Amino acid sequence: MHGGAGQVLERMVDIMTKGSRAEKAKALERWADDAQPEELVTIDTTALRRLAELAEERAALESELEAAVSAARRSDRSWSEIGAMLGVSKQAAQRKYGRAVSAA
């Protein structure tokens, strides 16, 4: 039998912070199969769901930014120009996107 609600929360944090999304989903399913009714409590997860949504949006936006930077470089735009459009120095832009651009 599993421990109290604090231990359940710790196990959930462990599950959700390791591995790929697919691994997390499988781990969560395994946990749900083993969960005991007395361990389950209702909590407001609105803030956590919003964080997950924003993380997905950030990943999509980052992919779009990489594509836009690659397009700008293919159009012979300088790292100074790209950095200015991103609101960072040319060095910061090149450091963040240089590998992605050279791989494209």
PDB file of N, CA and C in Angstrom:
ATOM      1  N   MET A   1       0.853  -1.183   0.000  1.00  0.00           N
ATOM      2  CA  MET A   1       0.000   0.000   0.000  1.00  0.00           C
ATOM      3  C   MET A   1       0.891   1.237   0.000  1.00  0.00           C
ATOM      4  N   HIS A   2       0.513   2.265  -0.739  1.00  0.00           N
ATOM      5  CA  HIS A   2       1.296   3.488  -0.856  1.00  0.00           C
ATOM      6  C   HIS A   2       1.113   4.353   0.373  1.00  0.00           C
ATOM      7  N   GLY A   3       2.024   5.347   0.526  1.00  0.00           N
ATOM      8  CA  GLY A   3       1.988   6.233   1.673  1.00  0.00           C
ATOM      9  C   GLY A   3       0.950   7.314   1.545  1.00  0.00           C
ATOM     10  N   GLY A   4       1.137   8.372   2.324  1.00  0.00           N
ATOM     11  CA  GLY A   4       0.172   9.464   2.361  1.00  0.00           C
ATOM     12  C   GLY A   4       0.222  10.357   1.142  1.00  0.00           C
ATOM     13  N   ALA A   5      -0.606  11.406   1.193  1.00  0.00           N
ATOM     14  CA  ALA A   5      -0.742  12.316   0.054  1.00  0.00           C
ATOM     15  C   ALA A   5       0.579  12.992  -0.284  1.00  0.00           C
ATOM     16  N   GLY A   6       1.401  13.319   0.715  1.00  0.00           N
ATOM     17  CA  GLY A   6       2.703  13.940   0.459  1.00  0.00           C
ATOM     18  C   GLY A   6       3.600  13.029  -0.356  1.00  0.00           C
ATOM     19  N   GLN A   7       3.578  11.744  -0.033  1.00  0.00           N
ATOM     20  CA  GLN A   7       4.385  10.787  -0.791  1.00  0.00           C
ATOM     21  C   GLN A   7       3.835  10.619  -2.202  1.00  0.00           C
ATOM     22  N   VAL A   8       2.528  10.653  -2.349  1.00  0.00           N
ATOM     23  CA  VAL A   8       1.916  10.561  -3.669  1.00  0.00           C
ATOM     24  C   VAL A   8       2.377  11.738  -4.512  1.00  0.00           C
ATOM     25  N   LEU A   9       2.334  12.949  -3.952  1.00  0.00           N
ATOM     26  CA  LEU A   9       2.762  14.135  -4.673  1.00  0.00           C
ATOM     27  C   LEU A   9       4.231  14.024  -5.077  1.00  0.00           C
ATOM     28  N   GLU A  10       5.080  13.572  -4.179  1.00  0.00           N
ATOM     29  CA  GLU A  10       6.502  13.406  -4.505  1.00  0.00           C
ATOM     30  C   GLU A  10       6.679  12.421  -5.650  1.00  0.00           C
ATOM     31  N   ARG A  11       5.939  11.320  -5.641  1.00  0.00           N
ATOM     32  CA  ARG A  11       6.048  10.334  -6.723  1.00  0.00           C
ATOM     33  C   ARG A  11       5.592  10.951  -8.040  1.00  0.00           C
ATOM     34  N   MET A  12       4.529  11.759  -8.010  1.00  0.00           N
ATOM     35  CA  MET A  12       4.037  12.389  -9.225  1.00  0.00           C
ATOM     36  C   MET A  12       5.060  13.379  -9.777  1.00  0.00           C
ATOM     37  N   VAL A  13       5.691  14.147  -8.910  1.00  0.00           N
ATOM     38  CA  VAL A  13       6.725  15.081  -9.354  1.00  0.00           C
ATOM     39  C   VAL A  13       7.864  14.306  -9.999  1.00  0.00           C
ATOM     40  N   ASP A  14       8.287  13.206  -9.379  1.00  0.00           N
ATOM     41  CA  ASP A  14       9.339  12.375  -9.957  1.00  0.00           C
ATOM     42  C   ASP A  14       8.928  11.872 -11.336  1.00  0.00           C
ATOM     43  N   ILE A  15       7.713  11.394 -11.459  1.00  0.00           N
ATOM     44  CA  ILE A  15       7.213  10.859 -12.723  1.00  0.00           C
ATOM     45  C   ILE A  15       7.220  11.938 -13.801  1.00  0.00           C
ATOM     46  N   MET A  16       6.756  13.119 -13.469  1.00  0.00           N
ATOM     47  CA  MET A  16       6.547  14.152 -14.475  1.00  0.00           C
ATOM     48  C   MET A  16       7.799  14.957 -14.801  1.00  0.00           C
ATOM     49  N   THR A  17       8.920  14.707 -14.124  1.00  0.00           N
ATOM     50  CA  THR A  17      10.133  15.475 -14.407  1.00  0.00           C
ATOM     51  C   THR A  17      11.201  14.655 -15.104  1.00  0.00           C
ATOM     52  N   LYS A  18      10.923  13.414 -15.422  1.00  0.00           N
ATOM     53  CA  LYS A  18      11.947  12.567 -16.036  1.00  0.00           C
ATOM     54  C   LYS A  18      11.444  11.978 -17.344  1.00  0.00           C
ATOM     55  N   GLY A  19      12.321  11.932 -18.341  1.00  0.00           N
ATOM     56  CA  GLY A  19      12.010  11.238 -19.573  1.00  0.00           C
ATOM     57  C   GLY A  19      11.244  12.067 -20.583  1.00  0.00           C
ATOM     58  N   SER A  20      10.959  11.423 -21.717  1.00  0.00           N
ATOM     59  CA  SER A  20      10.212  12.065 -22.795  1.00  0.00           C
ATOM     60  C   SER A  20       8.727  12.141 -22.434  1.00  0.00           C
ATOM     61  N   ARG A  21       7.958  12.826 -23.259  1.00  0.00           N
ATOM     62  CA  ARG A  21       6.512  12.904 -23.016  1.00  0.00           C
ATOM     63  C   ARG A  21       5.883  11.521 -23.043  1.00  0.00           C
ATOM     64  N   ALA A  22       6.332  10.678 -23.984  1.00  0.00           N
ATOM     65  CA  ALA A  22       5.779   9.321 -24.074  1.00  0.00           C
ATOM     66  C   ALA A  22       6.116   8.525 -22.821  1.00  0.00           C
ATOM     67  N   GLU A  23       7.343   8.667 -22.339  1.00  0.00           N
ATOM     68  CA  GLU A  23       7.736   7.968 -21.110  1.00  0.00           C
ATOM     69  C   GLU A  23       6.946   8.477 -19.912  1.00  0.00           C
ATOM     70  N   LYS A  24       6.725   9.791 -19.880  1.00  0.00           N
ATOM     71  CA  LYS A  24       5.935  10.371 -18.791  1.00  0.00           C
ATOM     72  C   LYS A  24       4.512   9.841 -18.825  1.00  0.00           C
ATOM     73  N   ALA A  25       3.937   9.749 -20.022  1.00  0.00           N
ATOM     74  CA  ALA A  25       2.561   9.253 -20.151  1.00  0.00           C
ATOM     75  C   ALA A  25       2.469   7.809 -19.680  1.00  0.00           C
ATOM     76  N   LYS A  26       3.431   6.981 -20.067  1.00  0.00           N
ATOM     77  CA  LYS A  26       3.433   5.582 -19.631  1.00  0.00           C
ATOM     78  C   LYS A  26       3.611   5.483 -18.123  1.00  0.00           C
ATOM     79  N   ALA A  27       4.520   6.284 -17.562  1.00  0.00           N
ATOM     80  CA  ALA A  27       4.740   6.273 -16.118  1.00  0.00           C
ATOM     81  C   ALA A  27       3.489   6.727 -15.381  1.00  0.00           C
ATOM     82  N   LEU A  28       2.817   7.735 -15.917  1.00  0.00           N
ATOM     83  CA  LEU A  28       1.590   8.227 -15.296  1.00  0.00           C
ATOM     84  C   LEU A  28       0.497   7.161 -15.345  1.00  0.00           C
ATOM     85  N   GLU A  29       0.402   6.444 -16.455  1.00  0.00           N
ATOM     86  CA  GLU A  29      -0.576   5.360 -16.558  1.00  0.00           C
ATOM     87  C   GLU A  29      -0.273   4.265 -15.539  1.00  0.00           C
ATOM     88  N   ARG A  30       1.009   3.904 -15.401  1.00  0.00           N
ATOM     89  CA  ARG A  30       1.385   2.884 -14.407  1.00  0.00           C
ATOM     90  C   ARG A  30       1.021   3.355 -13.002  1.00  0.00           C
ATOM     91  N   TRP A  31       1.305   4.634 -12.726  1.00  0.00           N
ATOM     92  CA  TRP A  31       0.979   5.165 -11.399  1.00  0.00           C
ATOM     93  C   TRP A  31      -0.532   5.119 -11.180  1.00  0.00           C
ATOM     94  N   ALA A  32      -1.303   5.532 -12.185  1.00  0.00           N
ATOM     95  CA  ALA A  32      -2.760   5.555 -12.049  1.00  0.00           C
ATOM     96  C   ALA A  32      -3.307   4.150 -11.816  1.00  0.00           C
ATOM     97  N   ASP A  33      -2.716   3.158 -12.461  1.00  0.00           N
ATOM     98  CA  ASP A  33      -3.160   1.775 -12.268  1.00  0.00           C
ATOM     99  C   ASP A  33      -2.924   1.311 -10.833  1.00  0.00           C
ATOM    100  N   ASP A  34      -1.861   1.819 -10.202  1.00  0.00           N
ATOM    101  CA  ASP A  34      -1.503   1.388  -8.848  1.00  0.00           C
ATOM    102  C   ASP A  34      -2.076   2.286  -7.750  1.00  0.00           C
ATOM    103  N   ALA A  35      -2.626   3.439  -8.116  1.00  0.00           N
ATOM    104  CA  ALA A  35      -3.101   4.402  -7.113  1.00  0.00           C
ATOM    105  C   ALA A  35      -4.259   3.824  -6.312  1.00  0.00           C
ATOM    106  N   GLN A  36      -4.243   4.115  -5.059  1.00  0.00           N
ATOM    107  CA  GLN A  36      -5.306   3.680  -4.156  1.00  0.00           C
ATOM    108  C   GLN A  36      -6.278   4.849  -3.958  1.00  0.00           C
ATOM    109  N   PRO A  37      -7.572   4.573  -3.882  1.00  0.00           N
ATOM    110  CA  PRO A  37      -8.560   5.658  -3.746  1.00  0.00           C
ATOM    111  C   PRO A  37      -8.273   6.588  -2.574  1.00  0.00           C
ATOM    112  N   GLU A  38      -7.785   6.062  -1.472  1.00  0.00           N
ATOM    113  CA  GLU A  38      -7.527   6.919  -0.306  1.00  0.00           C
ATOM    114  C   GLU A  38      -6.352   7.863  -0.539  1.00  0.00           C
ATOM    115  N   GLU A  39      -5.546   7.614  -1.562  1.00  0.00           N
ATOM    116  CA  GLU A  39      -4.424   8.490  -1.879  1.00  0.00           C
ATOM    117  C   GLU A  39      -4.853   9.682  -2.733  1.00  0.00           C
ATOM    118  N   LEU A  40      -5.991   9.579  -3.359  1.00  0.00           N
ATOM    119  CA  LEU A  40      -6.406  10.593  -4.315  1.00  0.00           C
ATOM    120  C   LEU A  40      -7.150  11.728  -3.630  1.00  0.00           C
ATOM    121  N   VAL A  41      -6.745  12.938  -3.970  1.00  0.00           N
ATOM    122  CA  VAL A  41      -7.407  14.132  -3.462  1.00  0.00           C
ATOM    123  C   VAL A  41      -7.665  15.058  -4.643  1.00  0.00           C
ATOM    124  N   THR A  42      -8.665  15.890  -4.517  1.00  0.00           N
ATOM    125  CA  THR A  42      -8.966  16.859  -5.549  1.00  0.00           C
ATOM    126  C   THR A  42      -8.127  18.100  -5.311  1.00  0.00           C
ATOM    127  N   ILE A  43      -7.435  18.541  -6.349  1.00  0.00           N
ATOM    128  CA  ILE A  43      -6.647  19.764  -6.250  1.00  0.00           C
ATOM    129  C   ILE A  43      -6.905  20.604  -7.492  1.00  0.00           C
ATOM    130  N   ASP A  44      -6.690  21.889  -7.366  1.00  0.00           N
ATOM    131  CA  ASP A  44      -6.845  22.800  -8.495  1.00  0.00           C
ATOM    132  C   ASP A  44      -5.551  22.770  -9.306  1.00  0.00           C
ATOM    133  N   THR A  45      -5.632  22.269 -10.521  1.00  0.00           N
ATOM    134  CA  THR A  45      -4.455  22.155 -11.378  1.00  0.00           C
ATOM    135  C   THR A  45      -4.442  23.206 -12.488  1.00  0.00           C
ATOM    136  N   THR A  46      -5.257  24.226 -12.358  1.00  0.00           N
ATOM    137  CA  THR A  46      -5.361  25.249 -13.397  1.00  0.00           C
ATOM    138  C   THR A  46      -4.002  25.865 -13.709  1.00  0.00           C
ATOM    139  N   ALA A  47      -3.264  26.249 -12.695  1.00  0.00           N
ATOM    140  CA  ALA A  47      -1.959  26.891 -12.906  1.00  0.00           C
ATOM    141  C   ALA A  47      -0.979  25.929 -13.561  1.00  0.00           C
ATOM    142  N   LEU A  48      -0.996  24.681 -13.142  1.00  0.00           N
ATOM    143  CA  LEU A  48      -0.080  23.699 -13.739  1.00  0.00           C
ATOM    144  C   LEU A  48      -0.452  23.406 -15.185  1.00  0.00           C
ATOM    145  N   ARG A  49      -1.739  23.314 -15.465  1.00  0.00           N
ATOM    146  CA  ARG A  49      -2.170  23.087 -16.858  1.00  0.00           C
ATOM    147  C   ARG A  49      -1.748  24.257 -17.736  1.00  0.00           C
ATOM    148  N   ARG A  50      -1.875  25.470 -17.215  1.00  0.00           N
ATOM    149  CA  ARG A  50      -1.468  26.657 -17.984  1.00  0.00           C
ATOM    150  C   ARG A  50       0.037  26.628 -18.245  1.00  0.00           C
ATOM    151  N   LEU A  51       0.812  26.224 -17.262  1.00  0.00           N
ATOM    152  CA  LEU A  51       2.256  26.100 -17.470  1.00  0.00           C
ATOM    153  C   LEU A  51       2.565  25.111 -18.591  1.00  0.00           C
ATOM    154  N   ALA A  52       1.885  23.982 -18.590  1.00  0.00           N
ATOM    155  CA  ALA A  52       2.104  22.966 -19.626  1.00  0.00           C
ATOM    156  C   ALA A  52       1.718  23.520 -21.001  1.00  0.00           C
ATOM    157  N   GLU A  53       0.603  24.246 -21.069  1.00  0.00           N
ATOM    158  CA  GLU A  53       0.180  24.848 -22.334  1.00  0.00           C
ATOM    159  C   GLU A  53       1.215  25.848 -22.834  1.00  0.00           C
ATOM    160  N   LEU A  54       1.701  26.692 -21.926  1.00  0.00           N
ATOM    161  CA  LEU A  54       2.690  27.694 -22.310  1.00  0.00           C
ATOM    162  C   LEU A  54       4.002  27.050 -22.738  1.00  0.00           C
ATOM    163  N   ALA A  55       4.390  25.962 -22.082  1.00  0.00           N
ATOM    164  CA  ALA A  55       5.614  25.256 -22.470  1.00  0.00           C
ATOM    165  C   ALA A  55       5.482  24.714 -23.887  1.00  0.00           C
ATOM    166  N   GLU A  56       4.316  24.179 -24.223  1.00  0.00           N
ATOM    167  CA  GLU A  56       4.090  23.692 -25.588  1.00  0.00           C
ATOM    168  C   GLU A  56       4.112  24.845 -26.581  1.00  0.00           C
ATOM    169  N   GLU A  57       3.488  25.959 -26.227  1.00  0.00           N
ATOM    170  CA  GLU A  57       3.491  27.126 -27.104  1.00  0.00           C
ATOM    171  C   GLU A  57       4.908  27.648 -27.296  1.00  0.00           C
ATOM    172  N   ARG A  58       5.691  27.659 -26.214  1.00  0.00           N
ATOM    173  CA  ARG A  58       7.074  28.124 -26.282  1.00  0.00           C
ATOM    174  C   ARG A  58       7.880  27.241 -27.226  1.00  0.00           C
ATOM    175  N   ALA A  59       7.694  25.928 -27.145  1.00  0.00           N
ATOM    176  CA  ALA A  59       8.417  25.005 -28.024  1.00  0.00           C
ATOM    177  C   ALA A  59       8.054  25.263 -29.481  1.00  0.00           C
ATOM    178  N   ALA A  60       6.774  25.481 -29.750  1.00  0.00           N
ATOM    179  CA  ALA A  60       6.336  25.759 -31.119  1.00  0.00           C
ATOM    180  C   ALA A  60       6.901  27.098 -31.600  1.00  0.00           C
ATOM    181  N   LEU A  61       6.860  28.094 -30.735  1.00  0.00           N
ATOM    182  CA  LEU A  61       7.379  29.412 -31.091  1.00  0.00           C
ATOM    183  C   LEU A  61       8.880  29.345 -31.330  1.00  0.00           C
ATOM    184  N   GLU A  62       9.588  28.606 -30.518  1.00  0.00           N
ATOM    185  CA  GLU A  62      11.035  28.475 -30.681  1.00  0.00           C
ATOM    186  C   GLU A  62      11.358  27.838 -32.029  1.00  0.00           C
ATOM    187  N   SER A  63      10.575  26.858 -32.429  1.00  0.00           N
ATOM    188  CA  SER A  63      10.764  26.226 -33.737  1.00  0.00           C
ATOM    189  C   SER A  63      10.536  27.240 -34.859  1.00  0.00           C
ATOM    190  N   GLU A  64       9.511  28.059 -34.717  1.00  0.00           N
ATOM    191  CA  GLU A  64       9.234  29.092 -35.708  1.00  0.00           C
ATOM    192  C   GLU A  64      10.347  30.134 -35.757  1.00  0.00           C
ATOM    193  N   LEU A  65      10.868  30.511 -34.587  1.00  0.00           N
ATOM    194  CA  LEU A  65      11.973  31.468 -34.539  1.00  0.00           C
ATOM    195  C   LEU A  65      13.208  30.903 -35.233  1.00  0.00           C
ATOM    196  N   GLU A  66      13.518  29.633 -34.986  1.00  0.00           N
ATOM    197  CA  GLU A  66      14.665  29.010 -35.646  1.00  0.00           C
ATOM    198  C   GLU A  66      14.494  29.039 -37.158  1.00  0.00           C
ATOM    199  N   ALA A  67      13.299  28.740 -37.640  1.00  0.00           N
ATOM    200  CA  ALA A  67      13.041  28.764 -39.081  1.00  0.00           C
ATOM    201  C   ALA A  67      13.188  30.187 -39.632  1.00  0.00           C
ATOM    202  N   ALA A  68      12.700  31.162 -38.891  1.00  0.00           N
ATOM    203  CA  ALA A  68      12.787  32.555 -39.339  1.00  0.00           C
ATOM    204  C   ALA A  68      14.238  33.030 -39.350  1.00  0.00           C
ATOM    205  N   VAL A  69      15.002  32.651 -38.349  1.00  0.00           N
ATOM    206  CA  VAL A  69      16.421  33.017 -38.315  1.00  0.00           C
ATOM    207  C   VAL A  69      17.150  32.352 -39.482  1.00  0.00           C
ATOM    208  N   SER A  70      16.856  31.086 -39.735  1.00  0.00           N
ATOM    209  CA  SER A  70      17.469  30.387 -40.878  1.00  0.00           C
ATOM    210  C   SER A  70      17.131  31.094 -42.184  1.00  0.00           C
ATOM    211  N   ALA A  71      15.874  31.491 -42.341  1.00  0.00           N
ATOM    212  CA  ALA A  71      15.461  32.204 -43.549  1.00  0.00           C
ATOM    213  C   ALA A  71      16.191  33.539 -43.669  1.00  0.00           C
ATOM    214  N   ALA A  72      16.324  34.239 -42.553  1.00  0.00           N
ATOM    215  CA  ALA A  72      17.031  35.525 -42.567  1.00  0.00           C
ATOM    216  C   ALA A  72      18.497  35.328 -42.956  1.00  0.00           C
ATOM    217  N   ARG A  73      19.123  34.311 -42.430  1.00  0.00           N
ATOM    218  CA  ARG A  73      20.529  34.054 -42.774  1.00  0.00           C
ATOM    219  C   ARG A  73      20.662  33.671 -44.244  1.00  0.00           C
ATOM    220  N   ARG A  74      19.718  32.865 -44.757  1.00  0.00           N
ATOM    221  CA  ARG A  74      19.751  32.507 -46.182  1.00  0.00           C
ATOM    222  C   ARG A  74      19.550  33.740 -47.062  1.00  0.00           C
ATOM    223  N   SER A  75      18.892  34.765 -46.512  1.00  0.00           N
ATOM    224  CA  SER A  75      18.688  36.030 -47.232  1.00  0.00           C
ATOM    225  C   SER A  75      19.828  37.010 -46.976  1.00  0.00           C
ATOM    226  N   ASP A  76      20.936  36.463 -46.459  1.00  0.00           N
ATOM    227  CA  ASP A  76      22.156  37.250 -46.193  1.00  0.00           C
ATOM    228  C   ASP A  76      21.963  38.363 -45.171  1.00  0.00           C
ATOM    229  N   ARG A  77      21.054  38.162 -44.222  1.00  0.00           N
ATOM    230  CA  ARG A  77      20.898  39.130 -43.130  1.00  0.00           C
ATOM    231  C   ARG A  77      22.000  38.853 -42.111  1.00  0.00           C
ATOM    232  N   SER A  78      22.528  39.891 -41.526  1.00  0.00           N
ATOM    233  CA  SER A  78      23.635  39.749 -40.573  1.00  0.00           C
ATOM    234  C   SER A  78      23.121  39.325 -39.200  1.00  0.00           C
ATOM    235  N   TRP A  79      24.034  38.790 -38.408  1.00  0.00           N
ATOM    236  CA  TRP A  79      23.673  38.438 -37.032  1.00  0.00           C
ATOM    237  C   TRP A  79      23.319  39.694 -36.243  1.00  0.00           C
ATOM    238  N   SER A  80      23.916  40.830 -36.590  1.00  0.00           N
ATOM    239  CA  SER A  80      23.569  42.094 -35.920  1.00  0.00           C
ATOM    240  C   SER A  80      22.109  42.455 -36.191  1.00  0.00           C
ATOM    241  N   GLU A  81      21.683  42.321 -37.449  1.00  0.00           N
ATOM    242  CA  GLU A  81      20.299  42.614 -37.798  1.00  0.00           C
ATOM    243  C   GLU A  81      19.335  41.653 -37.109  1.00  0.00           C
ATOM    244  N   ILE A  82      19.694  40.378 -37.140  1.00  0.00           N
ATOM    245  CA  ILE A  82      18.842  39.360 -36.504  1.00  0.00           C
ATOM    246  C   ILE A  82      18.752  39.608 -35.006  1.00  0.00           C
ATOM    247  N   GLY A  83      19.882  39.868 -34.377  1.00  0.00           N
ATOM    248  CA  GLY A  83      19.885  40.161 -32.944  1.00  0.00           C
ATOM    249  C   GLY A  83      19.021  41.365 -32.614  1.00  0.00           C
ATOM    250  N   ALA A  84      19.117  42.404 -33.450  1.00  0.00           N
ATOM    251  CA  ALA A  84      18.310  43.611 -33.222  1.00  0.00           C
ATOM    252  C   ALA A  84      16.820  43.286 -33.285  1.00  0.00           C
ATOM    253  N   MET A  85      16.421  42.475 -34.232  1.00  0.00           N
ATOM    254  CA  MET A  85      15.003  42.108 -34.361  1.00  0.00           C
ATOM    255  C   MET A  85      14.541  41.245 -33.188  1.00  0.00           C
ATOM    256  N   LEU A  86      15.453  40.468 -32.621  1.00  0.00           N
ATOM    257  CA  LEU A  86      15.109  39.627 -31.470  1.00  0.00           C
ATOM    258  C   LEU A  86      15.265  40.360 -30.139  1.00  0.00           C
ATOM    259  N   GLY A  87      15.848  41.563 -30.190  1.00  0.00           N
ATOM    260  CA  GLY A  87      16.050  42.330 -28.963  1.00  0.00           C
ATOM    261  C   GLY A  87      17.225  41.841 -28.131  1.00  0.00           C
ATOM    262  N   VAL A  88      18.204  41.228 -28.818  1.00  0.00           N
ATOM    263  CA  VAL A  88      19.405  40.722 -28.135  1.00  0.00           C
ATOM    264  C   VAL A  88      20.625  41.148 -28.934  1.00  0.00           C
ATOM    265  N   SER A  89      21.794  40.915 -28.389  1.00  0.00           N
ATOM    266  CA  SER A  89      23.026  41.228 -29.109  1.00  0.00           C
ATOM    267  C   SER A  89      23.233  40.240 -30.251  1.00  0.00           C
ATOM    268  N   LYS A  90      24.104  40.611 -31.193  1.00  0.00           N
ATOM    269  CA  LYS A  90      24.396  39.684 -32.289  1.00  0.00           C
ATOM    270  C   LYS A  90      25.027  38.407 -31.758  1.00  0.00           C
ATOM    271  N   GLN A  91      25.843  38.539 -30.699  1.00  0.00           N
ATOM    272  CA  GLN A  91      26.472  37.362 -30.107  1.00  0.00           C
ATOM    273  C   GLN A  91      25.437  36.436 -29.488  1.00  0.00           C
ATOM    274  N   ALA A  92      24.456  37.009 -28.811  1.00  0.00           N
ATOM    275  CA  ALA A  92      23.406  36.190 -28.180  1.00  0.00           C
ATOM    276  C   ALA A  92      22.579  35.482 -29.248  1.00  0.00           C
ATOM    277  N   ALA A  93      22.255  36.176 -30.329  1.00  0.00           N
ATOM    278  CA  ALA A  93      21.481  35.559 -31.408  1.00  0.00           C
ATOM    279  C   ALA A  93      22.271  34.422 -32.045  1.00  0.00           C
ATOM    280  N   GLN A  94      23.546  34.676 -32.319  1.00  0.00           N
ATOM    281  CA  GLN A  94      24.373  33.653 -32.955  1.00  0.00           C
ATOM    282  C   GLN A  94      24.583  32.461 -32.027  1.00  0.00           C
ATOM    283  N   ARG A  95      24.784  32.732 -30.748  1.00  0.00           N
ATOM    284  CA  ARG A  95      24.974  31.657 -29.777  1.00  0.00           C
ATOM    285  C   ARG A  95      23.722  30.770 -29.687  1.00  0.00           C
ATOM    286  N   LYS A  96      22.548  31.406 -29.704  1.00  0.00           N
ATOM    287  CA  LYS A  96      21.312  30.646 -29.551  1.00  0.00           C
ATOM    288  C   LYS A  96      20.902  29.924 -30.828  1.00  0.00           C
ATOM    289  N   TYR A  97      21.077  30.569 -31.986  1.00  0.00           N
ATOM    290  CA  TYR A  97      20.539  30.022 -33.229  1.00  0.00           C
ATOM    291  C   TYR A  97      21.598  29.574 -34.237  1.00  0.00           C
ATOM    292  N   GLY A  98      22.850  29.828 -33.952  1.00  0.00           N
ATOM    293  CA  GLY A  98      23.910  29.518 -34.908  1.00  0.00           C
ATOM    294  C   GLY A  98      23.965  28.049 -35.307  1.00  0.00           C
ATOM    295  N   ARG A  99      23.856  27.155 -34.359  1.00  0.00           N
ATOM    296  CA  ARG A  99      23.909  25.715 -34.670  1.00  0.00           C
ATOM    297  C   ARG A  99      22.703  25.279 -35.491  1.00  0.00           C
ATOM    298  N   ALA A 100      21.539  25.774 -35.126  1.00  0.00           N
ATOM    299  CA  ALA A 100      20.326  25.407 -35.852  1.00  0.00           C
ATOM    300  C   ALA A 100      20.402  25.887 -37.298  1.00  0.00           C
ATOM    301  N   VAL A 101      20.960  27.074 -37.500  1.00  0.00           N
ATOM    302  CA  VAL A 101      21.078  27.634 -38.839  1.00  0.00           C
ATOM    303  C   VAL A 101      22.084  26.843 -39.658  1.00  0.00           C
ATOM    304  N   SER A 102      23.213  26.481 -39.046  1.00  0.00           N
ATOM    305  CA  SER A 102      24.234  25.755 -39.799  1.00  0.00           C
ATOM    306  C   SER A 102      23.791  24.318 -40.096  1.00  0.00           C
ATOM    307  N   ALA A 103      22.882  23.769 -39.283  1.00  0.00           N
ATOM    308  CA  ALA A 103      22.382  22.414 -39.515  1.00  0.00           C
ATOM    309  C   ALA A 103      21.311  22.390 -40.612  1.00  0.00           C
ATOM    310  N   ALA A 104      20.686  23.548 -40.843  1.00  0.00           N
ATOM    311  CA  ALA A 104      19.580  23.607 -41.826  1.00  0.00           C
ATOM    312  C   ALA A 104      20.086  23.589 -43.254  1.00  0.00           C
TER     313      ALA A 104
END
